[in-house]
Amino acid sequence: MDINILTDDNVELRTTLYKANNPKAVVLINPGTATKTSYYLPFAKYLREHGFHVILWNYRGFCDSKISHLKDCHYQYSDIGRYDIPAVIDTAKRLFNDLPLYCVGHSAGGQQVGLAHNADQLDALIAVAVSAGYFSYMPLRYRLKANFFFRFLAPLSNKVFNYVPAKSFKLMEDLPAGFTEEWGAWCREKELFFSDKFYGKTIPLGTYKNFNVPTFVFTADDDEICTERNLHNFWKNVTSDRPITFKRYSIGRGSDQSVGHFGYFRSKNTHIWQDILETINKVHHDKPLQTL
């Protein structure tokens, strides 16, 4: 079932609802930046088979939500958390107000949940590969790749095309100019948008303070972005009265169970899917019944 959602700044997002029989809750899947929506489809179907309505969607300018040429867009990276995520949360609560609402956020899809004014409507956040993205804390090979993209390719493309045709280089989906500029600026700082350069300025003061949504963080030690230091530098800035639980997968060198930053949702790693499902089910089981 396709649903069109209009954000507060009048941008249309195209989402797909996968309905379960006798649903016990709703799950939003917030994708990583410039990642194809279809990448998450097997995981979405897995959750549906286990009794959850699933809303699968993408951000302004990407995949099904790409409704104009990117050179004409003036989108900012933080628009994801400021406008897109809140609009989808509002729609989910309007459609299924009687069901708990959980969010599985991959990378930026979990990172920017704290920017959403209505994040407290979530009954739990499953934050997958969510950390700061400081270039210097990445493995050397990936660090060189990231620096090449953000310091050379993206600025040059923005000047020539007014957007980044990343898909032509087989890197990711194409990106609006404002996205890469703000995204790259965040990743030059050890603490991402918690840096004094942004926090209390372009990022509202108080973001992720008193973030009282039960949160479960899933990471892997072969993740090229979500390294131990990047992980620490993000979550040390989050304060909550609710527990923040961490699970980190140890991946042996040369293991066929490699995860990296994008392998969490690949079918070869269904053990991660099972852990996410068990976590959601536990939160659901422990959640007290609402009284009318």
Protein backbone atom coordinates (compact mmCIF):
# COMPACT_ATOMS: atom_id res chain seq x y z
CA MET A 1 0.00 0.00 0.00
CA ASP A 2 1.55 3.30 -1.13
CA ILE A 3 1.19 6.41 1.04
CA ASN A 4 2.18 9.95 0.08
CA ILE A 5 3.23 12.12 3.02
CA LEU A 6 3.60 15.88 2.99
CA THR A 7 6.19 17.39 5.33
CA ASP A 8 5.76 20.68 7.17
CA ASP A 9 7.89 22.39 4.51
CA ASN A 10 5.72 20.97 1.71
CA VAL A 11 7.96 18.21 0.40
CA GLU A 12 6.26 14.99 -0.66
CA LEU A 13 7.62 11.69 0.63
CA ARG A 14 6.50 8.44 -0.93
CA THR A 15 6.27 5.53 1.45
CA THR A 16 5.09 1.94 1.28
CA LEU A 17 3.12 0.20 4.01
CA TYR A 18 3.53 -3.58 4.30
CA LYS A 19 0.57 -4.81 6.29
CA ALA A 20 0.73 -7.82 8.60
CA ASN A 21 -2.17 -10.04 9.55
CA ASN A 22 -3.24 -9.32 13.15
CA PRO A 23 -0.49 -6.73 13.69
CA LYS A 24 0.86 -6.15 17.17
CA ALA A 25 2.77 -2.94 16.36
CA VAL A 26 4.14 -0.71 13.61
CA VAL A 27 7.82 -0.45 12.65
CA LEU A 28 9.36 2.45 10.72
CA ILE A 29 12.52 1.60 8.82
CA ASN A 30 14.62 4.75 8.47
CA PRO A 31 17.28 4.12 5.80
CA GLY A 32 20.89 5.20 5.68
CA THR A 33 21.78 8.22 3.59
CA ALA A 34 21.55 7.71 -0.18
CA THR A 35 20.78 4.00 0.26
CA LYS A 36 18.24 2.34 -1.99
CA THR A 37 14.91 1.70 -0.31
CA SER A 38 14.81 -1.77 -1.86
CA TYR A 39 17.89 -2.73 0.15
CA TYR A 40 15.68 -2.94 3.26
CA LEU A 41 12.81 -4.82 1.61
CA PRO A 42 13.81 -8.36 2.71
CA PHE A 43 14.12 -7.16 6.31
CA ALA A 44 10.77 -5.36 6.06
CA LYS A 45 9.11 -8.54 4.85
CA TYR A 46 10.78 -10.47 7.68
CA LEU A 47 9.23 -8.13 10.26
CA ARG A 48 5.85 -8.30 8.54
CA GLU A 49 5.94 -12.09 8.70
CA HIS A 50 6.45 -11.78 12.46
CA GLY A 51 3.38 -9.63 13.06
CA PHE A 52 4.40 -6.04 12.41
CA HIS A 53 3.07 -3.46 10.01
CA VAL A 54 6.16 -1.98 8.36
CA ILE A 55 6.54 1.46 6.83
CA LEU A 56 9.39 1.49 4.34
CA TRP A 57 10.36 4.86 2.95
CA ASN A 58 13.17 7.18 1.91
CA TYR A 59 14.15 10.79 2.40
CA ARG A 60 13.49 13.80 0.19
CA GLY A 61 15.43 13.58 -3.04
CA PHE A 62 16.00 9.81 -2.93
CA CYS A 63 14.48 6.81 -4.68
CA ASP A 64 10.65 6.97 -4.69
CA SER A 65 10.77 10.36 -2.97
CA LYS A 66 12.86 11.86 -5.78
CA ILE A 67 10.20 13.94 -7.51
CA SER A 68 12.35 16.64 -9.11
CA HIS A 69 15.83 17.03 -10.51
CA LEU A 70 18.34 17.38 -7.71
CA LYS A 71 19.98 20.43 -9.23
CA ASP A 72 16.80 22.34 -8.40
CA CYS A 73 16.74 21.17 -4.77
CA HIS A 74 17.81 23.28 -1.82
CA TYR A 75 17.63 20.47 0.71
CA GLN A 76 19.89 20.31 3.74
CA TYR A 77 21.11 17.12 5.37
CA SER A 78 19.44 18.02 8.68
CA ASP A 79 16.07 18.25 6.88
CA ILE A 80 15.93 14.48 7.37
CA GLY A 81 15.52 14.90 11.13
CA ARG A 82 13.87 18.30 11.08
CA TYR A 83 11.07 17.50 8.59
CA ASP A 84 11.11 14.01 7.07
CA ILE A 85 11.25 11.77 10.13
CA PRO A 86 8.63 13.83 12.04
CA ALA A 87 6.23 13.64 9.07
CA VAL A 88 6.47 9.85 8.91
CA ILE A 89 6.06 9.49 12.68
CA ASP A 90 2.95 11.70 12.57
CA THR A 91 1.48 9.66 9.72
CA ALA A 92 2.13 6.34 11.45
CA LYS A 93 0.48 7.57 14.65
CA ARG A 94 -2.49 8.94 12.73
CA LEU A 95 -3.03 5.67 10.83
CA PHE A 96 -2.37 3.31 13.74
CA ASN A 97 -2.90 5.27 16.93
CA ASP A 98 -3.87 2.11 18.81
CA LEU A 99 -0.59 0.31 18.04
CA PRO A 100 2.89 0.83 19.53
CA LEU A 101 5.36 2.48 17.18
CA TYR A 102 8.96 1.29 16.91
CA CYS A 103 11.74 2.65 14.72
CA VAL A 104 14.68 0.80 13.19
CA GLY A 105 17.07 3.54 12.14
CA HIS A 106 20.13 2.69 10.05
CA SER A 107 23.06 5.11 10.24
CA ALA A 108 21.63 8.63 9.62
CA GLY A 109 18.16 7.11 9.98
CA GLY A 110 18.87 6.60 13.68
CA GLN A 111 21.35 9.42 14.06
CA GLN A 112 18.80 12.10 13.17
CA VAL A 113 15.84 10.72 15.13
CA GLY A 114 16.86 13.01 17.99
CA LEU A 115 16.27 16.04 15.75
CA ALA A 116 12.59 15.11 15.34
CA HIS A 117 10.31 17.21 17.54
CA ASN A 118 7.96 14.23 18.00
CA ALA A 119 10.54 11.50 18.67
CA ASP A 120 8.89 10.92 22.05
CA GLN A 121 6.00 9.29 20.15
CA LEU A 122 8.26 6.28 19.54
CA ASP A 123 8.01 3.34 21.89
CA ALA A 124 11.59 2.29 21.12
CA LEU A 125 14.49 3.11 18.83
CA ILE A 126 16.64 0.36 17.36
CA ALA A 127 19.74 2.30 16.30
CA VAL A 128 21.75 0.26 13.79
CA ALA A 129 25.29 1.49 13.01
CA VAL A 130 24.57 4.87 14.59
CA SER A 131 27.62 6.89 15.61
CA ALA A 132 29.58 10.00 14.80
CA GLY A 133 31.28 9.83 11.40
CA TYR A 134 34.60 11.54 12.03
CA PHE A 135 36.87 10.84 9.06
CA SER A 136 40.05 10.40 11.09
CA TYR A 137 38.50 7.64 13.20
CA MET A 138 37.78 5.46 10.18
CA PRO A 139 40.16 2.75 8.88
CA LEU A 140 42.77 4.21 6.53
CA ARG A 141 41.33 2.85 3.27
CA TYR A 142 37.81 4.02 4.04
CA ARG A 143 39.11 7.32 5.40
CA LEU A 144 40.87 8.05 2.10
CA LYS A 145 37.70 7.17 0.19
CA ALA A 146 35.54 9.42 2.39
CA ASN A 147 37.97 12.33 2.18
CA PHE A 148 38.18 12.01 -1.61
CA PHE A 149 34.39 12.09 -1.85
CA PHE A 150 33.71 14.97 0.54
CA ARG A 151 36.78 17.13 -0.11
CA PHE A 152 37.14 16.69 -3.87
CA LEU A 153 34.38 14.89 -5.75
CA ALA A 154 31.37 16.41 -3.99
CA PRO A 155 32.56 20.07 -4.04
CA LEU A 156 33.61 19.78 -7.70
CA SER A 157 30.32 18.13 -8.68
CA ASN A 158 28.33 20.76 -6.82
CA LYS A 159 30.09 23.53 -8.73
CA VAL A 160 29.69 21.83 -12.12
CA PHE A 161 26.26 20.18 -11.79
CA ASN A 162 24.75 21.75 -8.66
CA TYR A 163 24.30 18.23 -7.27
CA VAL A 164 26.46 15.12 -6.83
CA PRO A 165 25.89 12.41 -9.49
CA ALA A 166 27.23 9.73 -7.14
CA LYS A 167 25.21 7.00 -8.82
CA SER A 168 27.26 7.47 -12.02
CA PHE A 169 30.37 6.65 -10.00
CA LYS A 170 28.65 3.59 -8.45
CA LEU A 171 29.08 5.09 -4.98
CA MET A 172 25.50 5.64 -3.77
CA GLU A 173 22.33 7.38 -4.87
CA ASP A 174 22.71 10.92 -6.25
CA LEU A 175 22.85 13.67 -3.63
CA PRO A 176 21.58 17.27 -3.45
CA ALA A 177 24.36 19.84 -3.04
CA GLY A 178 23.20 21.02 0.38
CA PHE A 179 23.15 17.46 1.67
CA THR A 180 26.80 16.81 0.98
CA GLU A 181 27.95 20.20 2.24
CA GLU A 182 26.28 19.82 5.64
CA TRP A 183 26.99 16.08 5.88
CA GLY A 184 30.67 16.61 5.12
CA ALA A 185 30.90 19.48 7.62
CA TRP A 186 29.48 17.26 10.37
CA CYS A 187 31.95 14.47 9.59
CA ARG A 188 34.91 16.82 9.93
CA GLU A 189 34.06 17.14 13.63
CA LYS A 190 34.86 14.47 16.22
CA GLU A 191 31.41 14.74 17.80
CA LEU A 192 29.39 15.26 14.62
CA PHE A 193 26.55 17.77 15.10
CA PHE A 194 27.23 17.92 18.85
CA SER A 195 30.27 20.03 17.99
CA ASP A 196 30.18 23.66 19.15
CA LYS A 197 30.18 24.61 15.46
CA PHE A 198 26.62 23.30 15.11
CA TYR A 199 25.09 22.55 18.50
CA GLY A 200 22.94 25.44 19.65
CA LYS A 201 23.27 27.01 16.20
CA THR A 202 22.07 24.94 13.20
CA ILE A 203 21.23 22.08 15.60
CA PRO A 204 18.79 23.13 18.34
CA LEU A 205 20.20 23.33 21.84
CA GLY A 206 18.89 20.39 23.85
CA THR A 207 18.87 17.89 20.97
CA TYR A 208 19.27 14.39 22.42
CA LYS A 209 19.08 15.70 25.97
CA ASN A 210 16.39 13.95 28.00
CA PHE A 211 15.89 11.58 25.06
CA ASN A 212 13.63 9.26 27.00
CA VAL A 213 12.95 6.71 24.28
CA PRO A 214 14.16 3.16 25.08
CA THR A 215 17.15 2.77 22.78
CA PHE A 216 19.05 -0.29 21.61
CA VAL A 217 22.25 0.22 19.63
CA PHE A 218 23.50 -2.52 17.28
CA THR A 219 27.02 -2.22 15.84
CA ALA A 220 29.78 -4.44 14.43
CA ASP A 221 33.52 -4.18 14.97
CA ASP A 222 34.23 -4.33 11.22
CA ASP A 223 31.96 -1.32 10.53
CA GLU A 224 34.12 1.18 8.65
CA ILE A 225 32.24 4.22 9.97
CA CYS A 226 30.83 3.13 13.31
CA THR A 227 34.22 2.52 14.93
CA GLU A 228 34.65 2.36 18.71
CA ARG A 229 35.69 6.02 18.96
CA ASN A 230 32.93 7.26 16.65
CA LEU A 231 30.42 5.17 18.59
CA HIS A 232 31.58 6.63 21.90
CA ASN A 233 31.67 10.21 20.63
CA PHE A 234 28.05 10.12 19.55
CA TRP A 235 26.38 8.33 22.42
CA LYS A 236 28.29 10.13 25.18
CA ASN A 237 26.25 13.20 24.16
CA VAL A 238 22.88 11.48 24.59
CA THR A 239 21.21 11.72 27.98
CA SER A 240 18.18 9.67 28.93
CA ASP A 241 16.28 8.43 31.95
CA ARG A 242 15.76 5.21 30.02
CA PRO A 243 18.53 2.66 29.51
CA ILE A 244 20.59 2.74 26.31
CA THR A 245 21.66 -0.81 25.52
CA PHE A 246 24.59 -1.69 23.27
CA LYS A 247 25.25 -4.89 21.33
CA ARG A 248 28.45 -5.08 19.29
CA TYR A 249 29.15 -8.02 17.00
CA SER A 250 32.71 -9.34 16.93
CA ILE A 251 33.65 -10.33 13.39
CA GLY A 252 36.66 -12.56 12.89
CA ARG A 253 39.14 -11.58 10.19
CA GLY A 254 38.19 -13.24 6.90
CA SER A 255 34.85 -14.34 8.34
CA ASP A 256 31.96 -14.91 5.95
CA GLN A 257 29.83 -13.15 8.57
CA SER A 258 31.30 -9.75 7.67
CA VAL A 259 28.97 -6.84 8.32
CA GLY A 260 30.68 -3.52 7.60
CA HIS A 261 28.43 -0.47 7.55
CA PHE A 262 25.81 -1.89 5.17
CA GLY A 263 25.68 -5.60 5.96
CA TYR A 264 23.27 -5.50 8.89
CA PHE A 265 20.28 -5.87 6.58
CA ARG A 266 21.71 -8.44 4.17
CA SER A 267 20.08 -11.86 4.26
CA LYS A 268 23.38 -13.56 5.12
CA ASN A 269 23.22 -11.80 8.48
CA THR A 270 19.76 -12.89 9.54
CA HIS A 271 21.15 -13.53 13.03
CA ILE A 272 21.15 -9.73 13.39
CA TRP A 273 17.55 -9.60 12.16
CA GLN A 274 16.65 -12.17 14.80
CA ASP A 275 18.32 -10.12 17.53
CA ILE A 276 16.47 -6.97 16.42
CA LEU A 277 13.18 -8.89 16.34
CA GLU A 278 13.80 -10.33 19.81
CA THR A 279 14.57 -6.84 21.12
CA ILE A 280 11.37 -5.36 19.69
CA ASN A 281 9.34 -8.29 20.98
CA LYS A 282 10.82 -7.88 24.46
CA VAL A 283 10.00 -4.16 24.52
CA HIS A 284 6.52 -4.99 23.25
CA HIS A 285 6.01 -7.69 25.86
CA ASP A 286 7.25 -5.47 28.70
CA LYS A 287 5.23 -2.43 27.60
CA PRO A 288 2.35 -1.80 30.02
CA LEU A 289 -1.11 -1.79 28.57
CA GLN A 290 -2.56 1.67 28.02
CA THR A 291 -5.70 2.46 29.95
CA LEU A 292 -8.57 4.27 28.28
